[in-house]
PDB file of N, CA and C in Angstrom:
ATOM      1  N   MET A   1     114.732  91.011 114.199  1.00  0.00           N
ATOM      2  CA  MET A   1     113.615  91.124 115.123  1.00  0.00           C
ATOM      3  C   MET A   1     114.123  91.740 116.416  1.00  0.00           C
ATOM      4  N   THR A   2     113.443  92.789 116.871  1.00  0.00           N
ATOM      5  CA  THR A   2     113.844  93.481 118.117  1.00  0.00           C
ATOM      6  C   THR A   2     113.417  92.677 119.333  1.00  0.00           C
ATOM      7  N   ILE A   3     113.944  93.028 120.470  1.00  0.00           N
ATOM      8  CA  ILE A   3     113.568  92.337 121.707  1.00  0.00           C
ATOM      9  C   ILE A   3     112.075  92.547 121.978  1.00  0.00           C
ATOM     10  N   GLY A   4     111.571  93.709 121.687  1.00  0.00           N
ATOM     11  CA  GLY A   4     110.151  93.972 121.880  1.00  0.00           C
ATOM     12  C   GLY A   4     109.285  93.099 121.006  1.00  0.00           C
ATOM     13  N   GLU A   5     109.703  92.924 119.763  1.00  0.00           N
ATOM     14  CA  GLU A   5     108.980  92.031 118.838  1.00  0.00           C
ATOM     15  C   GLU A   5     109.042  90.606 119.345  1.00  0.00           C
ATOM     16  N   GLN A   6     110.166  90.195 119.893  1.00  0.00           N
ATOM     17  CA  GLN A   6     110.297  88.835 120.428  1.00  0.00           C
ATOM     18  C   GLN A   6     109.394  88.637 121.645  1.00  0.00           C
ATOM     19  N   ILE A   7     109.344  89.627 122.535  1.00  0.00           N
ATOM     20  CA  ILE A   7     108.459  89.544 123.690  1.00  0.00           C
ATOM     21  C   ILE A   7     107.014  89.393 123.220  1.00  0.00           C
ATOM     22  N   GLN A   8     106.618  90.208 122.305  1.00  0.00           N
ATOM     23  CA  GLN A   8     105.235  90.180 121.806  1.00  0.00           C
ATOM     24  C   GLN A   8     104.928  88.865 121.116  1.00  0.00           C
ATOM     25  N   THR A   9     105.818  88.369 120.289  1.00  0.00           N
ATOM     26  CA  THR A   9     105.614  87.115 119.583  1.00  0.00           C
ATOM     27  C   THR A   9     105.446  85.941 120.533  1.00  0.00           C
ATOM     28  N   ILE A  10     106.321  85.855 121.531  1.00  0.00           N
ATOM     29  CA  ILE A  10     106.250  84.785 122.492  1.00  0.00           C
ATOM     30  C   ILE A  10     104.989  84.919 123.343  1.00  0.00           C
ATOM     31  N   ARG A  11     104.689  86.153 123.784  1.00  0.00           N
ATOM     32  CA  ARG A  11     103.508  86.393 124.599  1.00  0.00           C
ATOM     33  C   ARG A  11     102.244  85.934 123.861  1.00  0.00           C
ATOM     34  N   ILE A  12     102.125  86.300 122.594  1.00  0.00           N
ATOM     35  CA  ILE A  12     100.933  85.933 121.815  1.00  0.00           C
ATOM     36  C   ILE A  12     100.912  84.429 121.570  1.00  0.00           C
ATOM     37  N   SER A  13     102.065  83.828 121.302  1.00  0.00           N
ATOM     38  CA  SER A  13     102.073  82.359 121.063  1.00  0.00           C
ATOM     39  C   SER A  13     101.653  81.572 122.291  1.00  0.00           C
ATOM     40  N   LYS A  14     101.877  82.132 123.473  1.00  0.00           N
ATOM     41  CA  LYS A  14     101.454  81.491 124.710  1.00  0.00           C
ATOM     42  C   LYS A  14     100.002  81.807 125.074  1.00  0.00           C
ATOM     43  N   GLY A  15      99.412  82.743 124.311  1.00  0.00           N
ATOM     44  CA  GLY A  15      98.030  83.133 124.582  1.00  0.00           C
ATOM     45  C   GLY A  15      97.887  84.092 125.754  1.00  0.00           C
ATOM     46  N   PHE A  16      98.982  84.779 126.101  1.00  0.00           N
ATOM     47  CA  PHE A  16      98.981  85.689 127.237  1.00  0.00           C
ATOM     48  C   PHE A  16      98.572  87.092 126.773  1.00  0.00           C
ATOM     49  N   THR A  17      97.811  87.795 127.593  1.00  0.00           N
ATOM     50  CA  THR A  17      97.570  89.207 127.372  1.00  0.00           C
ATOM     51  C   THR A  17      98.705  89.983 127.975  1.00  0.00           C
ATOM     52  N   GLN A  18      98.800  91.266 127.609  1.00  0.00           N
ATOM     53  CA  GLN A  18      99.816  92.110 128.221  1.00  0.00           C
ATOM     54  C   GLN A  18      99.578  92.173 129.742  1.00  0.00           C
ATOM     55  N   GLU A  19      98.315  92.231 130.125  1.00  0.00           N
ATOM     56  CA  GLU A  19      97.962  92.334 131.540  1.00  0.00           C
ATOM     57  C   GLU A  19      98.397  91.080 132.306  1.00  0.00           C
ATOM     58  N   TYR A  20      98.164  89.912 131.712  1.00  0.00           N
ATOM     59  CA  TYR A  20      98.558  88.660 132.367  1.00  0.00           C
ATOM     60  C   TYR A  20     100.063  88.547 132.499  1.00  0.00           C
ATOM     61  N   LEU A  21     100.785  88.868 131.453  1.00  0.00           N
ATOM     62  CA  LEU A  21     102.249  88.846 131.511  1.00  0.00           C
ATOM     63  C   LEU A  21     102.778  89.811 132.557  1.00  0.00           C
ATOM     64  N   ALA A  22     102.177  90.972 132.642  1.00  0.00           N
ATOM     65  CA  ALA A  22     102.564  91.970 133.629  1.00  0.00           C
ATOM     66  C   ALA A  22     102.366  91.409 135.029  1.00  0.00           C
ATOM     67  N   GLU A  23     101.257  90.739 135.261  1.00  0.00           N
ATOM     68  CA  GLU A  23     101.013  90.142 136.601  1.00  0.00           C
ATOM     69  C   GLU A  23     102.058  89.089 136.920  1.00  0.00           C
ATOM     70  N   LEU A  24     102.398  88.261 135.937  1.00  0.00           N
ATOM     71  CA  LEU A  24     103.404  87.237 136.156  1.00  0.00           C
ATOM     72  C   LEU A  24     104.777  87.831 136.515  1.00  0.00           C
ATOM     73  N   LEU A  25     105.095  88.971 135.919  1.00  0.00           N
ATOM     74  CA  LEU A  25     106.400  89.603 136.123  1.00  0.00           C
ATOM     75  C   LEU A  25     106.363  90.671 137.205  1.00  0.00           C
ATOM     76  N   ASN A  26     105.185  90.886 137.769  1.00  0.00           N
ATOM     77  CA  ASN A  26     105.011  91.892 138.836  1.00  0.00           C
ATOM     78  C   ASN A  26     105.423  93.319 138.365  1.00  0.00           C
ATOM     79  N   VAL A  27     104.963  93.638 137.159  1.00  0.00           N
ATOM     80  CA  VAL A  27     105.167  94.988 136.600  1.00  0.00           C
ATOM     81  C   VAL A  27     103.811  95.470 136.114  1.00  0.00           C
ATOM     82  N   SER A  28     103.752  96.733 135.675  1.00  0.00           N
ATOM     83  CA  SER A  28     102.474  97.261 135.141  1.00  0.00           C
ATOM     84  C   SER A  28     102.267  96.811 133.695  1.00  0.00           C
ATOM     85  N   ARG A  29     101.022  96.821 133.271  1.00  0.00           N
ATOM     86  CA  ARG A  29     100.721  96.497 131.889  1.00  0.00           C
ATOM     87  C   ARG A  29     101.354  97.507 130.949  1.00  0.00           C
ATOM     88  N   GLN A  30     101.421  98.751 131.421  1.00  0.00           N
ATOM     89  CA  GLN A  30     102.036  99.802 130.618  1.00  0.00           C
ATOM     90  C   GLN A  30     103.527  99.499 130.353  1.00  0.00           C
ATOM     91  N   SER A  31     104.198  98.901 131.326  1.00  0.00           N
ATOM     92  CA  SER A  31     105.610  98.516 131.139  1.00  0.00           C
ATOM     93  C   SER A  31     105.740  97.502 130.022  1.00  0.00           C
ATOM     94  N   VAL A  32     104.875  96.487 130.040  1.00  0.00           N
ATOM     95  CA  VAL A  32     104.917  95.456 128.982  1.00  0.00           C
ATOM     96  C   VAL A  32     104.679  96.113 127.623  1.00  0.00           C
ATOM     97  N   SER A  33     103.720  97.002 127.565  1.00  0.00           N
ATOM     98  CA  SER A  33     103.429  97.695 126.300  1.00  0.00           C
ATOM     99  C   SER A  33     104.661  98.485 125.825  1.00  0.00           C
ATOM    100  N   LYS A  34     105.291  99.197 126.731  1.00  0.00           N
ATOM    101  CA  LYS A  34     106.479  99.980 126.359  1.00  0.00           C
ATOM    102  C   LYS A  34     107.610  99.077 125.898  1.00  0.00           C
ATOM    103  N   TRP A  35     107.784  97.943 126.556  1.00  0.00           N
ATOM    104  CA  TRP A  35     108.833  96.997 126.116  1.00  0.00           C
ATOM    105  C   TRP A  35     108.565  96.553 124.697  1.00  0.00           C
ATOM    106  N   GLU A  36     107.296  96.190 124.414  1.00  0.00           N
ATOM    107  CA  GLU A  36     106.963  95.704 123.071  1.00  0.00           C
ATOM    108  C   GLU A  36     107.103  96.779 122.019  1.00  0.00           C
ATOM    109  N   LEU A  37     106.827  98.008 122.379  1.00  0.00           N
ATOM    110  CA  LEU A  37     106.940  99.136 121.445  1.00  0.00           C
ATOM    111  C   LEU A  37     108.365  99.655 121.325  1.00  0.00           C
ATOM    112  N   GLY A  38     109.227  99.237 122.261  1.00  0.00           N
ATOM    113  CA  GLY A  38     110.625  99.664 122.225  1.00  0.00           C
ATOM    114  C   GLY A  38     110.823 101.089 122.711  1.00  0.00           C
ATOM    115  N   VAL A  39     109.927 101.596 123.566  1.00  0.00           N
ATOM    116  CA  VAL A  39     110.058 102.966 124.049  1.00  0.00           C
ATOM    117  C   VAL A  39     110.518 103.037 125.502  1.00  0.00           C
ATOM    118  N   SER A  40     110.701 101.877 126.124  1.00  0.00           N
ATOM    119  CA  SER A  40     111.135 101.850 127.537  1.00  0.00           C
ATOM    120  C   SER A  40     112.646 101.684 127.597  1.00  0.00           C
ATOM    121  N   HIS A  41     113.289 102.516 128.351  1.00  0.00           N
ATOM    122  CA  HIS A  41     114.743 102.440 128.487  1.00  0.00           C
ATOM    123  C   HIS A  41     115.087 102.305 129.976  1.00  0.00           C
ATOM    124  N   THR A  42     116.065 101.493 130.248  1.00  0.00           N
ATOM    125  CA  THR A  42     116.483 101.363 131.650  1.00  0.00           C
ATOM    126  C   THR A  42     117.345 102.547 132.030  1.00  0.00           C
ATOM    127  N   LYS A  43     117.346 102.893 133.292  1.00  0.00           N
ATOM    128  CA  LYS A  43     118.153 103.989 133.760  1.00  0.00           C
ATOM    129  C   LYS A  43     119.587 103.504 134.035  1.00  0.00           C
ATOM    130  N   GLY A  44     120.545 104.243 133.645  1.00  0.00           N
ATOM    131  CA  GLY A  44     121.945 103.881 133.893  1.00  0.00           C
ATOM    132  C   GLY A  44     122.431 104.460 135.201  1.00  0.00           C
ATOM    133  N   TYR A  45     122.307 103.703 136.244  1.00  0.00           N
ATOM    134  CA  TYR A  45     122.701 104.192 137.558  1.00  0.00           C
ATOM    135  C   TYR A  45     124.195 104.092 137.738  1.00  0.00           C
TER     136      TYR A  45
END
């Protein structure tokens, strides 16, 4: 199970929408979606 799948599984088990989780974490809903899909990569500074 990927980290994105784990985020989605836990989010759904808690009854959270992507939008609500994003608000809790102070990020955009699009970021949560990208995390779950595995398309978001951190920048290596």
